[in-house]
Amino acid sequence: MKAVTSKYLSHRITRKIFKSSTGIVTFIGAAILVFFLFLAVFSPQIAPHNPTERVSRPLQAPNSEFLFGTDNLGRDILSRVIYGARIALTIAFLAVVIAAAIGIPLGLISGYIGGVFDRILTLIMDAIYSFPGLILAIAIAAVLGPGIVNIALSIAVVYAPTYFRVIRNQVAGIKDELYVEAARALGARSPSILLRYILPNVLPSVIVVLSMNLADAIMTEAGLSFLGLGIAPPTPDWGYDLSSGQRFVLSKAWWAILFPGISIITTVLGFSMFSEGLNEYLNPTIRERR
């Protein structure tokens, strides 16, 4: 009896520790995201200088006047990092919204209708999904050219199959549930069934995928800008500044790549931590296993 009681108590303690650690991870991720969102929204008020204008001599090391130093053109790196948050988050959110707007409706319709239409659409999405994401984004960005909308579209094409696959698989399993059959028996039409009975049950998975894709979108956008396929200069962009600064690493101008790189890593880490905690909260199966 004592052994059973001690085992039960240890299990409860372990669950409490896990829940607290998950809450901490989620809180830290949310705090990082709020910080960068604050930078993006209030960048004109926060940035000490114009990010596109020369304010000092080139490649000046960090000091009391320029906390992050200056780049090869004499521009303030701190100001460019702050304004870069606006570009990175705008493209990431726009890309994810476009991808969800394409993948979710197609996944709902395909999973619900089934048959030949489902097989053809699944084949197309699987073909897109099979391509390496960054390579596909590079190919599309090279065709569309630079610009916020074009880069967002390039990234959205990469992530649309993810939403399609998640939604389609869940709808295929839900459409034969008793409450869906009862709605059909009561005379509910297919659009009403999809929107009122099926969509609310698959939205939690979409929210988790959305937060994870935001992290991937920021990395993909930075990669495109690093390769010269992103935002056209002199617009401040973390990936472009990272590409420009790497040429001066041998000149010991380490600050030119350090701060844009830290910004990318920190933002991606924030989205990843937040999505992990969100997944634990929204997925009851994982909570029960813990």
Protein backbone atom coordinates (compact mmCIF):
# COMPACT_ATOMS: atom_id res chain seq x y z
CA MET A 1 0.00 0.00 0.00
CA LYS A 2 2.85 2.36 0.88
CA ALA A 3 4.59 1.53 -2.40
CA VAL A 4 1.45 2.33 -4.38
CA THR A 5 0.95 5.58 -2.47
CA SER A 6 4.56 6.68 -2.98
CA LYS A 7 4.36 5.82 -6.67
CA TYR A 8 1.16 7.86 -7.00
CA LEU A 9 2.70 10.81 -5.19
CA SER A 10 5.86 10.70 -7.30
CA HIS A 11 3.74 10.62 -10.45
CA ARG A 12 1.78 13.69 -9.31
CA ILE A 13 4.99 15.53 -8.42
CA THR A 14 6.48 14.67 -11.82
CA ARG A 15 3.35 15.98 -13.56
CA LYS A 16 3.48 19.22 -11.57
CA ILE A 17 7.15 19.71 -12.44
CA PHE A 18 6.43 19.04 -16.10
CA LYS A 19 3.47 21.41 -16.14
CA SER A 20 5.49 24.14 -14.48
CA SER A 21 8.41 23.68 -16.90
CA THR A 22 6.02 23.75 -19.86
CA GLY A 23 4.45 26.93 -18.53
CA ILE A 24 7.89 28.51 -18.14
CA VAL A 25 8.88 27.58 -21.69
CA THR A 26 5.62 28.97 -23.05
CA PHE A 27 5.99 32.16 -21.03
CA ILE A 28 9.57 32.72 -22.20
CA GLY A 29 8.58 32.13 -25.82
CA ALA A 30 5.64 34.51 -25.51
CA ALA A 31 7.85 37.16 -23.88
CA ILE A 32 10.34 36.95 -26.75
CA LEU A 33 7.55 37.30 -29.30
CA VAL A 34 6.01 40.27 -27.48
CA PHE A 35 9.43 41.94 -27.36
CA PHE A 36 10.01 41.63 -31.10
CA LEU A 37 6.43 42.59 -31.89
CA PHE A 38 6.98 45.70 -29.78
CA LEU A 39 10.13 46.48 -31.79
CA ALA A 40 8.27 45.97 -35.05
CA VAL A 41 5.31 48.18 -34.15
CA PHE A 42 7.23 51.01 -32.50
CA SER A 43 10.46 50.88 -34.51
CA PRO A 44 10.22 54.54 -35.66
CA GLN A 45 9.99 55.66 -32.04
CA ILE A 46 12.62 53.24 -30.68
CA ALA A 47 15.35 53.34 -33.34
CA PRO A 48 17.94 56.02 -32.54
CA HIS A 49 18.81 56.69 -36.22
CA ASN A 50 17.45 56.35 -39.72
CA PRO A 51 18.36 52.76 -40.72
CA THR A 52 19.14 53.68 -44.34
CA GLU A 53 21.29 56.76 -43.76
CA ARG A 54 25.00 56.99 -43.02
CA VAL A 55 25.51 58.26 -39.47
CA SER A 56 29.20 57.57 -38.81
CA ARG A 57 32.34 56.09 -40.30
CA PRO A 58 32.06 52.52 -41.68
CA LEU A 59 32.59 49.46 -39.47
CA GLN A 60 32.80 51.34 -36.22
CA ALA A 61 32.93 48.97 -33.26
CA PRO A 62 30.15 49.03 -30.65
CA ASN A 63 30.47 51.98 -28.31
CA SER A 64 28.38 54.27 -26.12
CA GLU A 65 26.99 56.16 -29.14
CA PHE A 66 26.38 53.15 -31.41
CA LEU A 67 25.60 50.20 -29.15
CA PHE A 68 25.73 47.66 -31.99
CA GLY A 69 28.35 49.48 -34.06
CA THR A 70 28.00 50.52 -37.70
CA ASP A 71 28.02 48.51 -40.92
CA ASN A 72 30.25 48.84 -43.98
CA LEU A 73 28.27 51.87 -45.17
CA GLY A 74 28.32 53.67 -41.83
CA ARG A 75 24.70 52.89 -40.92
CA ASP A 76 23.63 52.20 -37.35
CA ILE A 77 23.26 48.44 -36.90
CA LEU A 78 20.98 48.80 -33.86
CA SER A 79 18.50 50.83 -35.90
CA ARG A 80 18.65 48.32 -38.74
CA VAL A 81 18.05 45.42 -36.34
CA ILE A 82 15.02 47.19 -34.85
CA TYR A 83 13.53 48.02 -38.25
CA GLY A 84 14.44 44.53 -39.48
CA ALA A 85 11.99 43.04 -36.98
CA ARG A 86 9.17 44.80 -38.83
CA ILE A 87 10.18 43.33 -42.20
CA ALA A 88 10.78 39.81 -40.88
CA LEU A 89 7.54 39.56 -38.92
CA THR A 90 5.45 41.18 -41.66
CA ILE A 91 6.65 38.69 -44.26
CA ALA A 92 6.32 35.74 -41.87
CA PHE A 93 2.75 36.57 -40.81
CA LEU A 94 1.69 37.38 -44.37
CA ALA A 95 3.16 34.13 -45.69
CA VAL A 96 1.49 32.02 -43.02
CA VAL A 97 -1.88 33.72 -43.53
CA ILE A 98 -1.72 33.12 -47.30
CA ALA A 99 -0.66 29.49 -46.81
CA ALA A 100 -3.47 28.88 -44.31
CA ALA A 101 -6.01 30.59 -46.58
CA ILE A 102 -5.04 28.16 -49.36
CA GLY A 103 -4.40 24.95 -47.42
CA ILE A 104 -7.26 24.98 -44.91
CA PRO A 105 -10.22 25.30 -47.35
CA LEU A 106 -8.68 22.82 -49.77
CA GLY A 107 -8.02 20.37 -46.93
CA LEU A 108 -11.57 20.69 -45.65
CA ILE A 109 -13.14 20.14 -49.07
CA SER A 110 -10.76 17.36 -50.09
CA GLY A 111 -11.12 15.40 -46.85
CA TYR A 112 -14.90 15.79 -46.81
CA ILE A 113 -15.62 14.97 -50.46
CA GLY A 114 -13.00 12.25 -50.95
CA GLY A 115 -12.96 10.19 -54.14
CA VAL A 116 -11.14 11.24 -57.31
CA PHE A 117 -11.03 14.92 -56.33
CA ASP A 118 -9.29 14.03 -53.07
CA ARG A 119 -6.74 11.79 -54.79
CA ILE A 120 -5.84 14.39 -57.42
CA LEU A 121 -5.51 17.23 -54.91
CA THR A 122 -3.52 15.06 -52.51
CA LEU A 123 -1.16 14.09 -55.34
CA ILE A 124 -0.56 17.75 -56.22
CA MET A 125 0.06 18.77 -52.61
CA ASP A 126 2.34 15.80 -52.01
CA ALA A 127 4.34 16.74 -55.10
CA ILE A 128 4.83 20.27 -53.75
CA TYR A 129 5.57 18.95 -50.27
CA SER A 130 8.28 16.61 -51.59
CA PHE A 131 10.45 19.52 -52.73
CA PRO A 132 12.96 20.90 -50.20
CA GLY A 133 11.28 24.01 -48.82
CA LEU A 134 14.13 26.48 -49.24
CA ILE A 135 14.94 25.34 -52.77
CA LEU A 136 11.31 25.69 -53.83
CA ALA A 137 11.11 29.15 -52.21
CA ILE A 138 14.31 30.18 -54.01
CA ALA A 139 12.90 29.08 -57.37
CA ILE A 140 9.62 30.94 -56.86
CA ALA A 141 11.32 34.06 -55.47
CA ALA A 142 13.68 34.14 -58.46
CA VAL A 143 10.67 34.19 -60.80
CA LEU A 144 8.55 36.69 -58.83
CA GLY A 145 11.39 39.06 -57.92
CA PRO A 146 12.01 41.04 -54.71
CA GLY A 147 9.30 42.61 -52.58
CA ILE A 148 7.39 41.86 -49.40
CA VAL A 149 4.35 40.36 -51.13
CA ASN A 150 6.43 38.32 -53.59
CA ILE A 151 8.60 36.85 -50.85
CA ALA A 152 5.51 36.08 -48.76
CA LEU A 153 3.95 34.28 -51.73
CA SER A 154 7.15 32.30 -52.29
CA ILE A 155 7.11 31.10 -48.70
CA ALA A 156 3.33 30.52 -48.66
CA VAL A 157 3.55 28.01 -51.52
CA VAL A 158 5.99 25.99 -49.42
CA TYR A 159 3.72 25.84 -46.35
CA ALA A 160 0.28 25.48 -47.97
CA PRO A 161 0.65 21.66 -48.34
CA THR A 162 1.33 21.39 -44.60
CA TYR A 163 -2.05 22.89 -43.74
CA PHE A 164 -3.71 20.82 -46.42
CA ARG A 165 -2.28 17.55 -45.12
CA VAL A 166 -3.09 18.27 -41.47
CA ILE A 167 -6.67 19.38 -42.17
CA ARG A 168 -7.40 16.75 -44.79
CA ASN A 169 -6.28 13.85 -42.58
CA GLN A 170 -8.32 15.06 -39.62
CA VAL A 171 -11.43 15.76 -41.68
CA ALA A 172 -11.23 12.29 -43.23
CA GLY A 173 -11.44 10.79 -39.75
CA ILE A 174 -14.05 13.17 -38.34
CA LYS A 175 -16.58 13.21 -41.18
CA ASP A 176 -17.98 9.80 -40.17
CA GLU A 177 -18.41 10.64 -36.48
CA LEU A 178 -21.87 10.34 -34.95
CA TYR A 179 -22.41 14.09 -34.46
CA VAL A 180 -21.65 14.69 -38.15
CA GLU A 181 -24.06 11.94 -39.16
CA ALA A 182 -26.67 13.45 -36.85
CA ALA A 183 -26.21 16.86 -38.50
CA ARG A 184 -26.74 15.27 -41.92
CA ALA A 185 -29.85 13.48 -40.65
CA LEU A 186 -31.26 16.80 -39.45
CA GLY A 187 -30.85 18.23 -42.94
CA ALA A 188 -27.69 20.30 -42.48
CA ARG A 189 -25.92 21.06 -45.76
CA SER A 190 -22.29 20.29 -46.42
CA PRO A 191 -20.97 23.88 -46.05
CA SER A 192 -22.76 24.18 -42.71
CA ILE A 193 -21.38 20.83 -41.54
CA LEU A 194 -17.84 21.83 -42.52
CA LEU A 195 -17.94 25.24 -40.86
CA ARG A 196 -20.02 24.49 -37.75
CA TYR A 197 -19.13 20.92 -36.84
CA ILE A 198 -15.84 19.91 -38.46
CA LEU A 199 -13.71 23.09 -38.60
CA PRO A 200 -13.88 23.86 -34.84
CA ASN A 201 -12.53 20.37 -34.10
CA VAL A 202 -9.47 20.74 -36.33
CA LEU A 203 -8.57 24.35 -35.49
CA PRO A 204 -6.34 23.51 -32.47
CA SER A 205 -3.93 21.62 -34.73
CA VAL A 206 -3.95 24.52 -37.18
CA ILE A 207 -2.96 26.98 -34.45
CA VAL A 208 0.04 24.87 -33.47
CA VAL A 209 1.14 24.40 -37.09
CA LEU A 210 0.72 28.14 -37.66
CA SER A 211 3.04 29.08 -34.79
CA MET A 212 5.65 26.55 -35.93
CA ASN A 213 5.47 27.79 -39.51
CA LEU A 214 6.09 31.35 -38.35
CA ALA A 215 9.49 30.25 -37.06
CA ASP A 216 10.26 28.46 -40.33
CA ALA A 217 9.06 31.44 -42.35
CA ILE A 218 11.47 33.79 -40.58
CA MET A 219 14.38 31.46 -41.32
CA THR A 220 13.29 31.02 -44.93
CA GLU A 221 12.92 34.78 -45.42
CA ALA A 222 16.36 35.34 -43.92
CA GLY A 223 17.79 32.67 -46.22
CA LEU A 224 16.25 34.28 -49.30
CA SER A 225 17.56 37.70 -48.30
CA PHE A 226 20.97 36.20 -47.55
CA LEU A 227 21.08 34.88 -51.13
CA GLY A 228 19.98 38.24 -52.56
CA LEU A 229 16.42 37.14 -53.40
CA GLY A 230 14.64 38.94 -50.59
CA ILE A 231 13.99 42.58 -49.83
CA ALA A 232 15.87 45.00 -52.06
CA PRO A 233 18.47 47.18 -50.31
CA PRO A 234 18.77 49.58 -48.57
CA THR A 235 15.65 48.35 -46.71
CA PRO A 236 16.79 46.94 -43.33
CA ASP A 237 16.57 43.15 -43.34
CA TRP A 238 18.29 40.69 -41.02
CA GLY A 239 19.19 38.22 -43.75
CA TYR A 240 20.59 40.88 -46.07
CA ASP A 241 22.60 42.48 -43.25
CA LEU A 242 23.96 39.06 -42.33
CA SER A 243 25.06 38.53 -45.94
CA SER A 244 26.67 41.97 -46.13
CA GLY A 245 28.45 41.60 -42.80
CA GLN A 246 30.02 38.21 -43.53
CA ARG A 247 32.46 39.84 -45.95
CA PHE A 248 34.07 41.75 -43.11
CA VAL A 249 34.48 38.96 -40.58
CA LEU A 250 38.14 38.55 -41.56
CA SER A 251 38.56 42.28 -40.85
CA LYS A 252 37.46 41.48 -37.27
CA ALA A 253 34.17 43.37 -37.72
CA TRP A 254 32.31 40.64 -35.80
CA TRP A 255 29.45 42.96 -34.83
CA ALA A 256 28.29 43.21 -38.45
CA ILE A 257 26.97 39.62 -38.37
CA LEU A 258 26.54 39.00 -34.65
CA PHE A 259 23.51 41.16 -33.95
CA PRO A 260 21.45 40.33 -37.07
CA GLY A 261 22.25 36.65 -36.46
CA ILE A 262 21.20 36.83 -32.81
CA SER A 263 17.95 38.53 -33.84
CA ILE A 264 17.09 35.69 -36.24
CA ILE A 265 17.99 32.97 -33.74
CA THR A 266 16.13 34.60 -30.85
CA THR A 267 12.94 35.18 -32.84
CA VAL A 268 12.90 31.64 -34.17
CA LEU A 269 13.58 30.30 -30.68
CA GLY A 270 10.69 32.34 -29.30
CA PHE A 271 8.23 30.99 -31.85
CA SER A 272 9.49 27.44 -31.32
CA MET A 273 9.16 27.60 -27.54
CA PHE A 274 5.74 29.17 -27.74
CA SER A 275 4.46 26.60 -30.25
CA GLU A 276 5.80 23.74 -28.14
CA GLY A 277 3.98 24.98 -25.07
CA LEU A 278 0.87 25.67 -27.10
CA ASN A 279 0.93 22.12 -28.43
CA GLU A 280 1.11 20.72 -24.90
CA TYR A 281 -1.84 22.87 -23.87
CA LEU A 282 -4.09 22.19 -26.87
CA ASN A 283 -3.32 18.50 -27.31
CA PRO A 284 -4.99 16.51 -24.51
CA THR A 285 -3.34 13.26 -25.67
CA ILE A 286 0.12 14.61 -24.88
CA ARG A 287 -1.03 15.94 -21.50
CA GLU A 288 -2.45 12.53 -20.57
CA ARG A 289 0.75 10.73 -21.54
CA ARG A 290 2.72 13.11 -19.34
